[in-house]
């Protein structure tokens, strides 16, 4: 449950930062010329990699 909570916290923090906190685009400005498809692809990849890392960290050693 701890790995899922950490994963959820990271996803929520990045989403809030992108859509609500960074109104003047100083942190996410490097993506301003990207298409909507490329942004969705980037964030989907970010979520997938984060999920793989947290699932891998939470597994017990064999």
C-alpha atoms as a PDB file:
ATOM      1  CA  UNK A   1       0.000   0.000   0.000  1.00  0.00           C
ATOM      2  CA  UNK A   2       2.923   2.332   0.665  1.00  0.00           C
ATOM      3  CA  UNK A   3       4.228   2.085  -2.896  1.00  0.00           C
ATOM      4  CA  UNK A   4       0.796   2.862  -4.308  1.00  0.00           C
ATOM      5  CA  UNK A   5       0.470   5.890  -2.021  1.00  0.00           C
ATOM      6  CA  UNK A   6       3.857   7.221  -3.104  1.00  0.00           C
ATOM      7  CA  UNK A   7       3.007   6.621  -6.770  1.00  0.00           C
ATOM      8  CA  UNK A   8      -0.329   8.396  -6.392  1.00  0.00           C
ATOM      9  CA  UNK A   9       1.300  11.317  -4.566  1.00  0.00           C
ATOM     10  CA  UNK A  10       3.849  11.832  -7.345  1.00  0.00           C
ATOM     11  CA  UNK A  11       1.215  11.690 -10.086  1.00  0.00           C
ATOM     12  CA  UNK A  12      -1.047  14.147  -8.259  1.00  0.00           C
ATOM     13  CA  UNK A  13       1.853  16.523  -7.541  1.00  0.00           C
ATOM     14  CA  UNK A  14       2.994  16.604 -11.179  1.00  0.00           C
ATOM     15  CA  UNK A  15      -0.571  17.063 -12.435  1.00  0.00           C
ATOM     16  CA  UNK A  16      -1.313  19.901 -10.001  1.00  0.00           C
ATOM     17  CA  UNK A  17       1.996  21.576 -10.854  1.00  0.00           C
ATOM     18  CA  UNK A  18       1.406  21.345 -14.593  1.00  0.00           C
ATOM     19  CA  UNK A  19      -2.222  22.507 -14.658  1.00  0.00           C
ATOM     20  CA  UNK A  20      -2.590  24.775 -11.624  1.00  0.00           C
ATOM     21  CA  UNK A  21       0.635  26.015 -10.000  1.00  0.00           C
ATOM     22  CA  UNK A  22       2.823  26.788 -13.018  1.00  0.00           C
ATOM     23  CA  UNK A  23       0.607  29.466 -14.564  1.00  0.00           C
ATOM     24  CA  UNK A  24       3.461  31.405 -16.188  1.00  0.00           C
ATOM     25  CA  UNK A  25       5.037  28.237 -17.684  1.00  0.00           C
ATOM     26  CA  UNK A  26       8.502  28.651 -16.174  1.00  0.00           C
ATOM     27  CA  UNK A  27       8.948  24.953 -15.328  1.00  0.00           C
ATOM     28  CA  UNK A  28       6.913  23.400 -18.148  1.00  0.00           C
ATOM     29  CA  UNK A  29       7.589  26.047 -20.818  1.00  0.00           C
ATOM     30  CA  UNK A  30       9.904  23.740 -22.734  1.00  0.00           C
ATOM     31  CA  UNK A  31       6.780  21.799 -23.770  1.00  0.00           C
ATOM     32  CA  UNK A  32       4.753  24.767 -25.035  1.00  0.00           C
ATOM     33  CA  UNK A  33       5.333  24.024 -28.745  1.00  0.00           C
ATOM     34  CA  UNK A  34       4.472  20.351 -28.354  1.00  0.00           C
ATOM     35  CA  UNK A  35       1.213  18.977 -29.737  1.00  0.00           C
ATOM     36  CA  UNK A  36      -1.430  17.613 -27.388  1.00  0.00           C
ATOM     37  CA  UNK A  37      -0.587  14.079 -28.542  1.00  0.00           C
ATOM     38  CA  UNK A  38       3.091  14.522 -27.608  1.00  0.00           C
ATOM     39  CA  UNK A  39       2.150  15.868 -24.171  1.00  0.00           C
ATOM     40  CA  UNK A  40      -0.175  12.924 -23.550  1.00  0.00           C
ATOM     41  CA  UNK A  41       2.542  10.551 -24.727  1.00  0.00           C
ATOM     42  CA  UNK A  42       5.110  12.172 -22.402  1.00  0.00           C
ATOM     43  CA  UNK A  43       2.860  12.014 -19.337  1.00  0.00           C
ATOM     44  CA  UNK A  44       1.757   8.465 -20.140  1.00  0.00           C
ATOM     45  CA  UNK A  45       5.390   7.427 -20.335  1.00  0.00           C
ATOM     46  CA  UNK A  46       6.102   9.242 -17.074  1.00  0.00           C
ATOM     47  CA  UNK A  47       3.268   7.398 -15.353  1.00  0.00           C
ATOM     48  CA  UNK A  48       4.364   4.041 -16.793  1.00  0.00           C
ATOM     49  CA  UNK A  49       7.990   4.486 -15.740  1.00  0.00           C
ATOM     50  CA  UNK A  50       6.954   5.662 -12.264  1.00  0.00           C
ATOM     51  CA  UNK A  51       4.690   2.649 -11.885  1.00  0.00           C
ATOM     52  CA  UNK A  52       7.424   0.243 -12.962  1.00  0.00           C
ATOM     53  CA  UNK A  53       9.931   1.809 -10.566  1.00  0.00           C
ATOM     54  CA  UNK A  54       7.600   1.731  -7.558  1.00  0.00           C
ATOM     55  CA  UNK A  55       6.404  -1.792  -8.243  1.00  0.00           C
ATOM     56  CA  UNK A  56      10.020  -2.895  -8.666  1.00  0.00           C
ATOM     57  CA  UNK A  57      11.089  -1.221  -5.437  1.00  0.00           C
ATOM     58  CA  UNK A  58       8.186  -2.710  -3.490  1.00  0.00           C
ATOM     59  CA  UNK A  59       8.933  -6.313  -4.505  1.00  0.00           C
ATOM     60  CA  UNK A  60      10.646  -8.530  -1.981  1.00  0.00           C
ATOM     61  CA  UNK A  61      14.089  -9.905  -2.784  1.00  0.00           C
ATOM     62  CA  UNK A  62      14.014 -13.549  -3.816  1.00  0.00           C
END
